[in-house]
């Protein structure tokens, strides 16, 4: 389902849902970060998605990473929480979701890269190579927070 991201945009539609979600900064043994190019907006992003009933936020990040990229991960820490009420995602079905995401740090432990119905491309990037990739500002913040290495961030 296509979506449009709005961040602190006075023209953004009003949120009508709030859904807990997880994303993951997945790092391999060479220090590269795993990204996917999403089918819904064609932007590069971290693997992640909404939390399901009966799972922890860590389980959510592990599941979403595998579903979207084919990579199995182990959670190693937290990058930050991202809950800006001015950041909303508008979907074609009329849902306008307020941001509520916890970004976790994870290490790859297996699997092989593959795309899914949610990803057009999946690839490993050096941290510096992410600078010029097209991505929404919320994803760029997560990557910047991880690169800064200052510990968990609350936004």
Protein backbone atom coordinates (compact mmCIF):
# COMPACT_ATOMS: atom_id res chain seq x y z
CA UNK A 1 0.00 0.00 0.00
CA UNK A 2 1.62 3.29 -1.07
CA UNK A 3 2.32 5.83 1.62
CA UNK A 4 3.43 9.41 1.95
CA UNK A 5 5.52 10.68 4.84
CA UNK A 6 4.94 14.10 6.37
CA UNK A 7 7.19 15.59 9.02
CA UNK A 8 6.25 18.85 10.73
CA UNK A 9 4.26 19.80 7.62
CA UNK A 10 1.28 22.10 8.26
CA UNK A 11 -0.42 20.56 5.19
CA UNK A 12 -0.22 17.02 6.63
CA UNK A 13 -3.46 15.20 7.31
CA UNK A 14 -4.43 14.58 10.93
CA UNK A 15 -3.34 11.26 12.43
CA UNK A 16 -6.11 8.72 13.01
CA UNK A 17 -4.01 5.79 14.32
CA UNK A 18 -1.04 5.04 16.51
CA UNK A 19 0.72 1.71 16.00
CA UNK A 20 3.83 0.50 17.87
CA UNK A 21 6.60 -0.33 15.40
CA UNK A 22 10.23 -1.40 15.38
CA UNK A 23 13.06 -0.73 12.99
CA UNK A 24 16.55 -2.16 13.05
CA UNK A 25 20.01 -0.86 12.35
CA UNK A 26 21.51 -4.17 11.24
CA UNK A 27 25.31 -4.20 11.14
CA UNK A 28 27.43 -6.93 9.56
CA UNK A 29 30.97 -8.02 10.46
CA UNK A 30 32.42 -5.34 8.18
CA UNK A 31 30.53 -2.48 9.86
CA UNK A 32 28.08 -2.07 6.98
CA UNK A 33 24.40 -1.29 7.55
CA UNK A 34 21.52 -3.17 5.92
CA UNK A 35 18.98 -1.13 3.97
CA UNK A 36 16.03 -1.88 1.75
CA UNK A 37 14.46 0.24 -0.99
CA UNK A 38 10.77 0.18 -0.14
CA UNK A 39 8.02 -0.65 -2.62
CA UNK A 40 5.57 1.85 -1.11
CA UNK A 41 7.69 4.99 -1.57
CA UNK A 42 10.82 3.77 -3.43
CA UNK A 43 13.06 5.28 -0.74
CA UNK A 44 15.87 3.53 1.11
CA UNK A 45 14.94 2.54 4.65
CA UNK A 46 15.80 0.36 7.59
CA UNK A 47 13.93 -2.92 7.86
CA UNK A 48 11.01 -2.67 10.22
CA UNK A 49 7.28 -2.52 10.69
CA UNK A 50 4.37 -2.75 13.06
CA UNK A 51 4.41 -4.88 16.15
CA UNK A 52 1.98 -7.79 16.23
CA UNK A 53 -0.03 -8.95 19.22
CA UNK A 54 1.91 -11.51 21.25
CA UNK A 55 5.40 -10.36 20.30
CA UNK A 56 7.98 -8.16 21.98
CA UNK A 57 9.48 -5.14 20.26
CA UNK A 58 12.70 -7.14 19.79
CA UNK A 59 10.80 -10.05 18.24
CA UNK A 60 9.12 -7.55 15.92
CA UNK A 61 12.47 -6.19 14.70
CA UNK A 62 13.85 -9.72 14.17
CA UNK A 63 10.72 -10.84 12.27
CA UNK A 64 10.45 -7.73 10.11
CA UNK A 65 14.15 -7.83 9.21
CA UNK A 66 13.92 -11.43 8.08
CA UNK A 67 10.64 -10.92 6.20
CA UNK A 68 11.89 -7.86 4.32
CA UNK A 69 15.55 -8.75 3.71
CA UNK A 70 16.20 -12.48 4.27
CA UNK A 71 18.74 -11.69 7.00
CA UNK A 72 18.51 -13.28 10.46
CA UNK A 73 19.54 -10.95 13.28
CA UNK A 74 20.26 -10.84 16.98
CA UNK A 75 19.28 -7.73 18.93
CA UNK A 76 22.24 -5.99 20.60
CA UNK A 77 20.80 -2.75 21.96
CA UNK A 78 18.62 0.26 21.36
CA UNK A 79 19.39 3.20 19.08
CA UNK A 80 16.43 5.30 20.15
CA UNK A 81 12.71 5.95 20.36
CA UNK A 82 11.00 8.05 17.72
CA UNK A 83 7.58 9.45 18.61
CA UNK A 84 7.25 12.84 16.91
CA UNK A 85 3.48 13.56 16.73
CA UNK A 86 4.25 15.85 13.78
CA UNK A 87 5.58 12.89 11.77
CA UNK A 88 2.73 10.99 10.11
CA UNK A 89 2.44 8.37 7.38
CA UNK A 90 -0.59 8.68 5.10
CA UNK A 91 -1.70 5.47 3.38
CA UNK A 92 -3.99 5.13 0.36
CA UNK A 93 -6.62 3.35 2.46
CA UNK A 94 -7.18 6.51 4.56
CA UNK A 95 -5.06 5.53 7.55
CA UNK A 96 -2.83 8.35 8.79
CA UNK A 97 -0.43 6.87 11.32
CA UNK A 98 1.43 8.92 13.94
CA UNK A 99 5.07 7.89 14.32
CA UNK A 100 5.76 5.52 17.20
CA UNK A 101 8.91 3.52 16.52
CA UNK A 102 11.69 2.02 18.55
CA UNK A 103 14.90 1.57 16.61
CA UNK A 104 17.04 -1.34 17.77
CA UNK A 105 20.65 -2.20 17.05
CA UNK A 106 21.11 -5.70 15.63
CA UNK A 107 23.89 -7.88 14.26
CA UNK A 108 23.44 -10.20 11.32
CA UNK A 109 23.81 -13.86 12.27
CA UNK A 110 22.71 -15.61 9.08
CA UNK A 111 20.50 -15.68 6.04
CA UNK A 112 21.07 -14.26 2.59
CA UNK A 113 19.91 -11.06 0.95
CA UNK A 114 16.60 -11.23 -0.87
CA UNK A 115 13.79 -8.86 -1.69
CA UNK A 116 10.19 -9.24 -0.59
CA UNK A 117 6.83 -7.77 -1.55
CA UNK A 118 7.87 -4.76 0.60
CA UNK A 119 11.37 -4.26 -0.85
CA UNK A 120 12.57 -3.47 -4.36
CA UNK A 121 16.24 -3.81 -3.44
CA UNK A 122 18.18 -4.95 -0.39
CA UNK A 123 21.86 -4.14 0.12
CA UNK A 124 24.67 -3.52 2.62
CA UNK A 125 26.16 0.00 2.74
CA UNK A 126 29.11 1.54 4.51
CA UNK A 127 27.83 4.25 6.88
CA UNK A 128 29.29 6.96 4.62
CA UNK A 129 27.56 5.54 1.53
CA UNK A 130 24.15 6.18 3.13
CA UNK A 131 24.67 9.96 2.99
CA UNK A 132 23.56 10.33 -0.63
CA UNK A 133 20.79 7.74 -0.70
CA UNK A 134 17.21 8.97 -1.08
CA UNK A 135 15.41 8.35 2.22
CA UNK A 136 12.86 10.05 4.42
CA UNK A 137 14.22 12.27 7.17
CA UNK A 138 13.03 9.95 9.97
CA UNK A 139 15.20 7.12 8.67
CA UNK A 140 18.15 9.45 8.17
CA UNK A 141 17.78 10.55 11.84
CA UNK A 142 18.00 6.95 13.03
CA UNK A 143 21.12 6.31 10.97
CA UNK A 144 22.69 9.58 12.17
CA UNK A 145 21.89 8.73 15.79
CA UNK A 146 23.51 5.30 15.37
CA UNK A 147 26.58 6.82 13.68
CA UNK A 148 26.93 9.39 16.49
CA UNK A 149 27.15 6.50 18.96
CA UNK A 150 25.98 8.59 21.90
CA UNK A 151 23.62 5.98 23.32
CA UNK A 152 19.84 5.71 23.18
CA UNK A 153 18.04 8.78 21.86
CA UNK A 154 14.48 9.87 22.64
CA UNK A 155 12.84 11.98 19.93
